[in-house]
Structure formats: C-alpha cells, structure tokens
C-alpha cells in the first residue's frame, strides 16, 4: 500500500473533494445523480419525481454543477444535464486508500486473534 500524502500531485485538491462530498451530502442531490446515471435529463424531467418546485431543484443542480458532478449542454430548446464521472472517480480513489488502510489493520487484528487462540488451545 502506498504511504499517505497530503500533497500528492495525482490527488484531487482539498477544495474539489470538499465540493464533491458537500454535494453528495444531500439525499436529493444523490437521487438526481442516480437519475442522471441512466442518461441526460432536462430540469423538468429531474423535477418530476420530487415534491419540490423547479427553482428548488435548480438550486440543487447549481450545487452539483459547481462541484463538477454534472454538466449542462444545449440541445435545441432543451438544456439537458449530464453526469460527470471524474469527480466521483476522484472521491472513490480517495476513499479507497482509507479502505485499504482499514483492511490491512483488520488483517493484523485477525492474525493477532488467531495467535491468541492458538496459545489457549492445548
């Protein structure tokens, strides 16, 4: 496992991770991302499943756009939103490093427990 570094050149900036996790902290925004994972959608299509006004959904979309999690394109009269994978992939990579750390620690604990069991067994 690679040692942890706070200033690694291949890691996303702290501001990017903060924006990503901040955007993901809200269940409505996570639901919007889940919908966009199936394909692009307009604001009205994204508003339909929620009991919210279109301006309220638009606020959520601005947070997601600011975090880089979605983008907006122009298709004739429509401006569909599309999910952007890069910030999610970066957040996943960041989390994966900690998962590896904890997995290694659990393996050490398992080894210690096995050793303790073998000492008790006659």
C-alpha atoms as a PDB file:
ATOM      1  CA  UNK A   1       0.000   0.000   0.000  1.00  0.00           C
ATOM      2  CA  UNK A   2       1.234   3.484  -0.873  1.00  0.00           C
ATOM      3  CA  UNK A   3       2.006   5.836   2.024  1.00  0.00           C
ATOM      4  CA  UNK A   4      -0.469   8.635   2.558  1.00  0.00           C
ATOM      5  CA  UNK A   5       0.464  12.033   1.232  1.00  0.00           C
ATOM      6  CA  UNK A   6      -1.484  15.207   1.730  1.00  0.00           C
ATOM      7  CA  UNK A   7       0.032  16.935  -1.294  1.00  0.00           C
ATOM      8  CA  UNK A   8       0.167  14.238  -3.935  1.00  0.00           C
ATOM      9  CA  UNK A   9       0.146  15.550  -7.494  1.00  0.00           C
ATOM     10  CA  UNK A  10      -2.278  12.876  -8.713  1.00  0.00           C
ATOM     11  CA  UNK A  11      -4.827  13.520  -5.981  1.00  0.00           C
ATOM     12  CA  UNK A  12      -7.730  15.954  -6.309  1.00  0.00           C
ATOM     13  CA  UNK A  13      -7.454  19.218  -4.417  1.00  0.00           C
ATOM     14  CA  UNK A  14      -8.956  19.517  -0.983  1.00  0.00           C
ATOM     15  CA  UNK A  15     -11.418  22.069  -2.364  1.00  0.00           C
ATOM     16  CA  UNK A  16     -12.553  19.603  -5.054  1.00  0.00           C
ATOM     17  CA  UNK A  17     -13.089  16.815  -2.520  1.00  0.00           C
ATOM     18  CA  UNK A  18     -14.928  19.218  -0.198  1.00  0.00           C
ATOM     19  CA  UNK A  19     -17.227  20.280  -3.038  1.00  0.00           C
ATOM     20  CA  UNK A  20     -17.845  16.681  -4.094  1.00  0.00           C
ATOM     21  CA  UNK A  21     -18.621  15.375  -0.616  1.00  0.00           C
ATOM     22  CA  UNK A  22     -20.644  18.501   0.205  1.00  0.00           C
ATOM     23  CA  UNK A  23     -22.778  17.952  -2.887  1.00  0.00           C
ATOM     24  CA  UNK A  24     -23.183  14.247  -2.083  1.00  0.00           C
ATOM     25  CA  UNK A  25     -24.267  15.014   1.496  1.00  0.00           C
ATOM     26  CA  UNK A  26     -27.811  15.814   0.373  1.00  0.00           C
ATOM     27  CA  UNK A  27     -30.185  12.921  -0.475  1.00  0.00           C
ATOM     28  CA  UNK A  28     -31.967  14.927  -3.178  1.00  0.00           C
ATOM     29  CA  UNK A  29     -28.686  15.574  -4.983  1.00  0.00           C
ATOM     30  CA  UNK A  30     -27.728  11.898  -4.682  1.00  0.00           C
ATOM     31  CA  UNK A  31     -31.110  10.971  -6.194  1.00  0.00           C
ATOM     32  CA  UNK A  32     -30.535  13.437  -9.038  1.00  0.00           C
ATOM     33  CA  UNK A  33     -27.133  11.855  -9.724  1.00  0.00           C
ATOM     34  CA  UNK A  34     -28.699   8.393  -9.670  1.00  0.00           C
ATOM     35  CA  UNK A  35     -31.232   9.539 -12.268  1.00  0.00           C
ATOM     36  CA  UNK A  36     -28.524  11.136 -14.430  1.00  0.00           C
ATOM     37  CA  UNK A  37     -26.526   7.899 -14.289  1.00  0.00           C
ATOM     38  CA  UNK A  38     -29.211   6.476 -16.603  1.00  0.00           C
ATOM     39  CA  UNK A  39     -28.765   9.297 -19.135  1.00  0.00           C
ATOM     40  CA  UNK A  40     -29.129  13.044 -19.691  1.00  0.00           C
ATOM     41  CA  UNK A  41     -32.274  14.788 -18.425  1.00  0.00           C
ATOM     42  CA  UNK A  42     -33.845  18.229 -18.517  1.00  0.00           C
ATOM     43  CA  UNK A  43     -34.662  20.213 -15.385  1.00  0.00           C
ATOM     44  CA  UNK A  44     -38.359  19.405 -15.753  1.00  0.00           C
ATOM     45  CA  UNK A  45     -37.559  15.680 -16.060  1.00  0.00           C
ATOM     46  CA  UNK A  46     -35.392  15.911 -12.948  1.00  0.00           C
ATOM     47  CA  UNK A  47     -38.095  17.813 -11.041  1.00  0.00           C
ATOM     48  CA  UNK A  48     -40.869  15.269 -11.762  1.00  0.00           C
ATOM     49  CA  UNK A  49     -40.096  12.634  -9.075  1.00  0.00           C
ATOM     50  CA  UNK A  50     -39.711  15.196  -6.276  1.00  0.00           C
ATOM     51  CA  UNK A  51     -42.287  17.177  -4.369  1.00  0.00           C
ATOM     52  CA  UNK A  52     -40.265  20.341  -4.941  1.00  0.00           C
ATOM     53  CA  UNK A  53     -40.542  23.358  -7.126  1.00  0.00           C
ATOM     54  CA  UNK A  54     -38.396  23.715 -10.208  1.00  0.00           C
ATOM     55  CA  UNK A  55     -36.431  26.601  -8.595  1.00  0.00           C
ATOM     56  CA  UNK A  56     -35.620  24.328  -5.625  1.00  0.00           C
ATOM     57  CA  UNK A  57     -34.336  21.602  -7.960  1.00  0.00           C
ATOM     58  CA  UNK A  58     -32.387  24.250  -9.883  1.00  0.00           C
ATOM     59  CA  UNK A  59     -30.574  25.188  -6.660  1.00  0.00           C
ATOM     60  CA  UNK A  60     -29.555  21.556  -6.199  1.00  0.00           C
ATOM     61  CA  UNK A  61     -28.394  21.441  -9.820  1.00  0.00           C
ATOM     62  CA  UNK A  62     -26.223  24.531  -9.294  1.00  0.00           C
ATOM     63  CA  UNK A  63     -24.510  22.845  -6.324  1.00  0.00           C
ATOM     64  CA  UNK A  64     -23.880  19.731  -8.433  1.00  0.00           C
ATOM     65  CA  UNK A  65     -22.581  21.840 -11.338  1.00  0.00           C
ATOM     66  CA  UNK A  66     -20.293  23.862  -9.071  1.00  0.00           C
ATOM     67  CA  UNK A  67     -18.850  20.601  -7.721  1.00  0.00           C
ATOM     68  CA  UNK A  68     -18.285  19.412 -11.297  1.00  0.00           C
ATOM     69  CA  UNK A  69     -20.568  16.413 -10.795  1.00  0.00           C
ATOM     70  CA  UNK A  70     -22.883  17.392 -13.651  1.00  0.00           C
ATOM     71  CA  UNK A  71     -22.644  19.494 -16.783  1.00  0.00           C
ATOM     72  CA  UNK A  72     -25.176  21.310 -18.917  1.00  0.00           C
ATOM     73  CA  UNK A  73     -25.403  21.100 -22.689  1.00  0.00           C
ATOM     74  CA  UNK A  74     -27.685  22.679 -25.280  1.00  0.00           C
ATOM     75  CA  UNK A  75     -29.927  20.527 -27.435  1.00  0.00           C
ATOM     76  CA  UNK A  76     -32.248  22.796 -29.465  1.00  0.00           C
ATOM     77  CA  UNK A  77     -34.660  24.209 -26.856  1.00  0.00           C
ATOM     78  CA  UNK A  78     -33.529  21.814 -24.110  1.00  0.00           C
ATOM     79  CA  UNK A  79     -30.554  22.179 -21.806  1.00  0.00           C
ATOM     80  CA  UNK A  80     -30.085  18.625 -20.546  1.00  0.00           C
ATOM     81  CA  UNK A  81     -27.855  17.842 -17.596  1.00  0.00           C
ATOM     82  CA  UNK A  82     -25.327  15.020 -17.793  1.00  0.00           C
ATOM     83  CA  UNK A  83     -23.402  13.292 -15.009  1.00  0.00           C
ATOM     84  CA  UNK A  84     -19.631  13.814 -14.960  1.00  0.00           C
ATOM     85  CA  UNK A  85     -17.659  10.817 -13.755  1.00  0.00           C
ATOM     86  CA  UNK A  86     -14.293  12.410 -12.926  1.00  0.00           C
ATOM     87  CA  UNK A  87     -15.130  13.986  -9.525  1.00  0.00           C
ATOM     88  CA  UNK A  88     -16.870  10.796  -8.399  1.00  0.00           C
ATOM     89  CA  UNK A  89     -13.894   8.717  -9.509  1.00  0.00           C
ATOM     90  CA  UNK A  90     -11.527  11.016  -7.601  1.00  0.00           C
ATOM     91  CA  UNK A  91     -13.650  10.764  -4.447  1.00  0.00           C
ATOM     92  CA  UNK A  92     -13.733   6.988  -4.833  1.00  0.00           C
ATOM     93  CA  UNK A  93      -9.933   6.847  -5.178  1.00  0.00           C
ATOM     94  CA  UNK A  94      -9.563   8.957  -2.036  1.00  0.00           C
ATOM     95  CA  UNK A  95     -11.932   6.663  -0.096  1.00  0.00           C
ATOM     96  CA  UNK A  96     -10.257   3.548  -1.500  1.00  0.00           C
ATOM     97  CA  UNK A  97      -6.948   4.493   0.112  1.00  0.00           C
ATOM     98  CA  UNK A  98      -8.627   4.512   3.523  1.00  0.00           C
ATOM     99  CA  UNK A  99     -10.450   1.260   2.804  1.00  0.00           C
ATOM    100  CA  UNK A 100      -7.084  -0.354   2.058  1.00  0.00           C
ATOM    101  CA  UNK A 101      -5.675   1.033   5.300  1.00  0.00           C
ATOM    102  CA  UNK A 102      -8.519  -0.347   7.396  1.00  0.00           C
ATOM    103  CA  UNK A 103      -8.477  -3.674   5.588  1.00  0.00           C
ATOM    104  CA  UNK A 104      -4.766  -4.041   6.425  1.00  0.00           C
ATOM    105  CA  UNK A 105      -5.481  -3.218  10.061  1.00  0.00           C
ATOM    106  CA  UNK A 106      -8.310  -5.762  10.234  1.00  0.00           C
ATOM    107  CA  UNK A 107      -5.989  -8.395   8.780  1.00  0.00           C
ATOM    108  CA  UNK A 108      -3.456  -7.579  11.524  1.00  0.00           C
ATOM    109  CA  UNK A 109      -6.187  -7.922  14.131  1.00  0.00           C
ATOM    110  CA  UNK A 110      -7.284 -11.275  12.655  1.00  0.00           C
ATOM    111  CA  UNK A 111      -3.698 -12.511  12.827  1.00  0.00           C
ATOM    112  CA  UNK A 112      -3.384 -11.423  16.446  1.00  0.00           C
ATOM    113  CA  UNK A 113      -6.663 -13.108  17.383  1.00  0.00           C
ATOM    114  CA  UNK A 114      -5.588 -16.326  15.622  1.00  0.00           C
ATOM    115  CA  UNK A 115      -2.302 -16.223  17.529  1.00  0.00           C
ATOM    116  CA  UNK A 116      -4.122 -15.697  20.830  1.00  0.00           C
ATOM    117  CA  UNK A 117      -6.471 -18.612  20.060  1.00  0.00           C
ATOM    118  CA  UNK A 118      -3.584 -20.913  19.298  1.00  0.00           C
ATOM    119  CA  UNK A 119      -1.929 -20.017  22.610  1.00  0.00           C
ATOM    120  CA  UNK A 120      -5.086 -21.017  24.508  1.00  0.00           C
ATOM    121  CA  UNK A 121      -5.581 -24.319  22.729  1.00  0.00           C
ATOM    122  CA  UNK A 122      -3.696 -27.184  24.463  1.00  0.00           C
END
